[in-house]
């Protein structure tokens, strides 16, 4: 019994820890629109504040800007220079926000696959 309780605790703790580091995108078009129109939307983890997002986004203003709605947690990405290199740097921004995974629709992928799958 002690082992079962310990195992359940570890599973829940692991799930909770990684759930806190997941960004959400309603539909693939919210990411592919970055490539097509230079604008897209990513819902960042609940724990992030506007100040934290701004402090991380300030390093990437040559490539894109980020407008962050603290209430909804939606980050609007606006490309300054919409090319592959600039879009690849979005992944670096997500890493700075400590995002590990991105749930796109019903599919969860590692942050590092976002560029290859949706932004390249």
Protein backbone atom coordinates (compact mmCIF):
# COMPACT_ATOMS: atom_id res chain seq x y z
CA UNK A 1 0.00 0.00 0.00
CA UNK A 2 2.83 2.35 0.87
CA UNK A 3 4.40 1.73 -2.54
CA UNK A 4 1.14 2.46 -4.37
CA UNK A 5 0.67 5.76 -2.53
CA UNK A 6 4.29 6.74 -3.18
CA UNK A 7 3.99 5.85 -6.87
CA UNK A 8 0.76 7.83 -7.25
CA UNK A 9 2.34 10.81 -5.52
CA UNK A 10 5.34 10.72 -7.87
CA UNK A 11 3.09 10.42 -10.94
CA UNK A 12 0.91 13.36 -9.86
CA UNK A 13 3.93 15.49 -8.94
CA UNK A 14 5.56 14.73 -12.29
CA UNK A 15 2.36 15.52 -14.19
CA UNK A 16 1.81 18.75 -12.24
CA UNK A 17 5.40 19.91 -12.75
CA UNK A 18 5.31 19.39 -16.50
CA UNK A 19 1.76 20.72 -16.82
CA UNK A 20 2.97 24.03 -15.47
CA UNK A 21 5.47 24.33 -18.33
CA UNK A 22 3.10 23.77 -21.22
CA UNK A 23 1.98 26.44 -23.67
CA UNK A 24 -1.28 26.03 -25.58
CA UNK A 25 -2.29 26.85 -29.12
CA UNK A 26 -5.98 26.47 -30.04
CA UNK A 27 -5.36 25.32 -33.61
CA UNK A 28 -2.36 24.73 -35.87
CA UNK A 29 -3.42 27.79 -37.88
CA UNK A 30 -2.55 29.99 -34.87
CA UNK A 31 1.08 28.96 -35.42
CA UNK A 32 1.20 28.61 -39.19
CA UNK A 33 -0.26 32.11 -39.47
CA UNK A 34 3.07 33.39 -38.12
CA UNK A 35 4.72 32.07 -41.27
CA UNK A 36 1.92 33.21 -43.57
CA UNK A 37 0.96 36.62 -42.18
CA UNK A 38 3.60 37.39 -39.56
CA UNK A 39 1.18 37.16 -36.64
CA UNK A 40 0.23 34.27 -34.35
CA UNK A 41 -1.06 33.40 -30.89
CA UNK A 42 0.33 31.24 -28.08
CA UNK A 43 -1.23 30.86 -24.63
CA UNK A 44 1.63 30.83 -22.13
CA UNK A 45 1.62 29.05 -18.73
CA UNK A 46 -0.56 30.57 -16.00
CA UNK A 47 2.39 31.33 -13.70
CA UNK A 48 3.90 33.93 -16.07
CA UNK A 49 3.29 37.60 -15.43
CA UNK A 50 3.33 40.42 -17.96
CA UNK A 51 6.62 41.69 -16.54
CA UNK A 52 8.26 38.27 -16.89
CA UNK A 53 7.12 37.87 -20.49
CA UNK A 54 8.27 41.40 -21.37
CA UNK A 55 11.66 40.80 -19.75
CA UNK A 56 12.17 37.69 -21.89
CA UNK A 57 10.74 39.18 -25.11
CA UNK A 58 12.96 42.28 -25.00
CA UNK A 59 15.92 40.25 -26.28
CA UNK A 60 14.17 39.36 -29.54
CA UNK A 61 12.79 42.69 -30.77
CA UNK A 62 14.92 42.56 -33.94
CA UNK A 63 12.99 39.44 -34.94
CA UNK A 64 9.52 39.77 -33.39
CA UNK A 65 7.53 41.60 -30.74
CA UNK A 66 5.27 40.05 -28.13
CA UNK A 67 2.02 41.58 -26.89
CA UNK A 68 0.94 39.72 -23.74
CA UNK A 69 -2.55 39.80 -22.26
CA UNK A 70 -2.02 38.95 -18.60
CA UNK A 71 -5.67 38.06 -18.02
CA UNK A 72 -5.98 35.48 -20.83
CA UNK A 73 -2.22 34.65 -20.89
CA UNK A 74 -2.27 34.94 -24.69
CA UNK A 75 0.97 36.12 -26.27
CA UNK A 76 0.52 37.68 -29.70
CA UNK A 77 3.67 37.21 -31.76
CA UNK A 78 4.24 39.92 -34.40
CA UNK A 79 7.14 39.22 -36.75
CA UNK A 80 9.45 42.15 -37.52
CA UNK A 81 11.43 40.22 -40.11
CA UNK A 82 9.37 37.22 -41.20
CA UNK A 83 11.98 34.71 -42.35
CA UNK A 84 12.95 31.20 -41.24
CA UNK A 85 15.74 32.36 -38.96
CA UNK A 86 13.50 34.85 -37.16
CA UNK A 87 10.73 32.28 -36.74
CA UNK A 88 13.23 29.77 -35.33
CA UNK A 89 14.06 32.26 -32.57
CA UNK A 90 10.47 31.98 -31.29
CA UNK A 91 11.53 28.60 -29.88
CA UNK A 92 14.29 30.36 -27.93
CA UNK A 93 11.69 32.78 -26.51
CA UNK A 94 9.56 29.81 -25.40
CA UNK A 95 12.62 28.26 -23.75
CA UNK A 96 13.23 31.54 -21.93
CA UNK A 97 9.67 31.32 -20.63
CA UNK A 98 10.54 27.79 -19.41
CA UNK A 99 7.99 26.20 -21.73
CA UNK A 100 8.83 22.52 -22.21
CA UNK A 101 5.86 21.38 -24.32
CA UNK A 102 3.31 22.98 -26.59
CA UNK A 103 -0.19 21.58 -26.95
CA UNK A 104 -1.48 22.37 -30.43
CA UNK A 105 -5.15 21.45 -30.66
CA UNK A 106 -5.17 17.96 -29.13
CA UNK A 107 -1.52 17.12 -29.84
CA UNK A 108 1.27 17.83 -27.34
CA UNK A 109 4.77 18.19 -28.77
CA UNK A 110 8.15 19.14 -27.40
CA UNK A 111 8.91 22.84 -27.69
CA UNK A 112 11.86 22.14 -29.99
CA UNK A 113 9.57 20.57 -32.62
CA UNK A 114 7.38 23.67 -33.00
CA UNK A 115 9.67 25.24 -35.59
CA UNK A 116 10.07 22.09 -37.69
CA UNK A 117 6.39 21.25 -37.66
CA UNK A 118 4.70 24.67 -37.88
CA UNK A 119 7.10 27.54 -38.55
CA UNK A 120 9.67 26.33 -41.08
